[in-house]
Amino acid sequence: MKASLAVALSLLAAVAWAQEAGPPPANRPAPSPEQMQQIMNSTFSSMVPYMGRMSEAVLTTQLTVMAKPEGAAQMAQYIHNLYQALLKEGFTKQQALEIAARVPMPNVSVGSK
């Protein structure tokens, strides 16, 4: 996921650069694929520090929320609701328990799939 996000951001940056630059003049050829790759690599390299800070902020926020008693209560409610929904859909108690125990908690991680 991180790689695809990085590629998408790099492509957006390259497109923005190309639009800002406008069409190449008649006497100047369009950038070669190698030049475009170099532009994208440069753009990505400049974004890395910001992506690291954003990831750190997301993780810190998640930990802060989860450290509160109401965060644990919300997690318990989520698991309970999932278990009850599984039973309602016809799963046995054992199946519902196993599924609810294995389903990961929702998160907003940048790298989640």
Protein backbone atom coordinates (compact mmCIF):
# COMPACT_ATOMS: atom_id res chain seq x y z
CA MET A 1 0.00 0.00 0.00
CA LYS A 2 2.79 2.42 0.86
CA ALA A 3 4.48 1.80 -2.47
CA SER A 4 1.27 2.36 -4.42
CA LEU A 5 0.60 5.55 -2.44
CA ALA A 6 4.10 6.76 -3.19
CA VAL A 7 3.71 5.98 -6.89
CA ALA A 8 0.35 7.74 -7.01
CA LEU A 9 1.74 10.83 -5.27
CA SER A 10 4.76 10.85 -7.56
CA LEU A 11 2.56 10.62 -10.62
CA LEU A 12 0.36 13.44 -9.36
CA ALA A 13 3.44 15.57 -8.77
CA ALA A 14 4.77 14.77 -12.24
CA VAL A 15 1.42 15.63 -13.82
CA ALA A 16 1.24 18.87 -11.86
CA TRP A 17 4.77 19.75 -12.92
CA ALA A 18 3.97 18.96 -16.54
CA GLN A 19 0.80 21.07 -16.43
CA GLU A 20 2.60 23.93 -14.75
CA ALA A 21 5.37 23.80 -17.30
CA GLY A 22 2.83 23.69 -20.13
CA PRO A 23 3.46 21.99 -23.42
CA PRO A 24 7.08 21.91 -24.45
CA PRO A 25 8.02 24.58 -26.95
CA ALA A 26 8.41 23.37 -30.51
CA ASN A 27 12.19 23.55 -30.17
CA ARG A 28 12.29 21.67 -26.82
CA PRO A 29 11.44 17.97 -26.76
CA ALA A 30 9.24 16.45 -24.08
CA PRO A 31 11.10 14.90 -21.14
CA SER A 32 12.37 11.40 -21.79
CA PRO A 33 11.10 8.50 -19.67
CA GLU A 34 14.41 8.60 -17.78
CA GLN A 35 13.96 12.32 -17.06
CA MET A 36 10.39 11.74 -15.91
CA GLN A 37 11.63 8.96 -13.61
CA GLN A 38 14.24 11.33 -12.23
CA ILE A 39 11.56 13.98 -11.59
CA MET A 40 9.34 11.42 -9.87
CA ASN A 41 12.24 10.13 -7.73
CA SER A 42 13.13 13.66 -6.72
CA THR A 43 9.52 14.43 -5.85
CA PHE A 44 9.19 11.26 -3.80
CA SER A 45 12.46 11.93 -1.97
CA SER A 46 11.24 15.36 -0.96
CA MET A 47 7.97 13.89 0.35
CA VAL A 48 9.53 11.19 2.57
CA PRO A 49 10.09 13.43 5.63
CA TYR A 50 6.49 14.63 5.49
CA MET A 51 5.14 11.10 5.09
CA GLY A 52 7.15 10.02 8.14
CA ARG A 53 5.75 12.85 10.24
CA MET A 54 2.23 12.09 9.03
CA SER A 55 2.61 8.40 9.92
CA GLU A 56 3.94 9.33 13.35
CA ALA A 57 1.03 11.71 13.95
CA VAL A 58 -1.51 9.05 12.93
CA LEU A 59 0.08 6.44 15.21
CA THR A 60 0.30 8.87 18.13
CA THR A 61 -3.35 9.80 17.69
CA GLN A 62 -4.40 6.14 17.53
CA LEU A 63 -2.46 5.34 20.71
CA THR A 64 -3.93 8.35 22.49
CA VAL A 65 -7.46 7.34 21.57
CA MET A 66 -6.92 3.69 22.45
CA ALA A 67 -5.40 4.58 25.84
CA LYS A 68 -8.68 6.16 26.94
CA PRO A 69 -11.27 3.94 28.65
CA GLU A 70 -13.86 4.97 26.08
CA GLY A 71 -11.51 3.73 23.33
CA ALA A 72 -11.49 0.24 24.88
CA ALA A 73 -15.27 0.43 25.28
CA GLN A 74 -15.64 1.27 21.59
CA MET A 75 -13.38 -1.65 20.64
CA ALA A 76 -15.46 -3.98 22.82
CA GLN A 77 -18.67 -2.69 21.23
CA TYR A 78 -17.23 -3.24 17.76
CA ILE A 79 -16.29 -6.85 18.57
CA HIS A 80 -19.66 -7.48 20.24
CA ASN A 81 -21.57 -6.03 17.28
CA LEU A 82 -19.52 -8.12 14.86
CA TYR A 83 -20.16 -11.28 16.90
CA GLN A 84 -23.90 -10.56 17.07
CA ALA A 85 -24.07 -9.82 13.34
CA LEU A 86 -22.31 -13.10 12.56
CA LEU A 87 -24.84 -15.00 14.70
CA LYS A 88 -27.70 -13.19 12.96
CA GLU A 89 -26.25 -14.22 9.58
CA GLY A 90 -26.41 -17.89 10.64
CA PHE A 91 -22.93 -18.64 11.90
CA THR A 92 -22.69 -20.95 14.90
CA LYS A 93 -21.54 -19.46 18.21
CA GLN A 94 -18.16 -21.15 17.77
CA GLN A 95 -17.74 -19.88 14.19
CA ALA A 96 -18.78 -16.36 15.18
CA LEU A 97 -16.36 -16.36 18.10
CA GLU A 98 -13.46 -17.54 15.93
CA ILE A 99 -14.20 -14.98 13.21
CA ALA A 100 -14.65 -12.10 15.68
CA ALA A 101 -11.38 -13.04 17.37
CA ARG A 102 -9.47 -13.06 14.07
CA VAL A 103 -10.85 -9.95 12.41
CA PRO A 104 -8.39 -7.08 12.84
CA MET A 105 -9.51 -3.89 14.50
CA PRO A 106 -10.29 -1.03 12.13
CA ASN A 107 -7.44 1.44 11.81
CA VAL A 108 -6.42 4.44 9.79
CA SER A 109 -2.86 3.34 9.21
CA VAL A 110 -1.35 4.74 6.06
CA GLY A 111 -0.04 1.30 5.22
CA SER A 112 -3.14 -0.71 5.91
CA LYS A 113 -4.56 -2.87 3.16
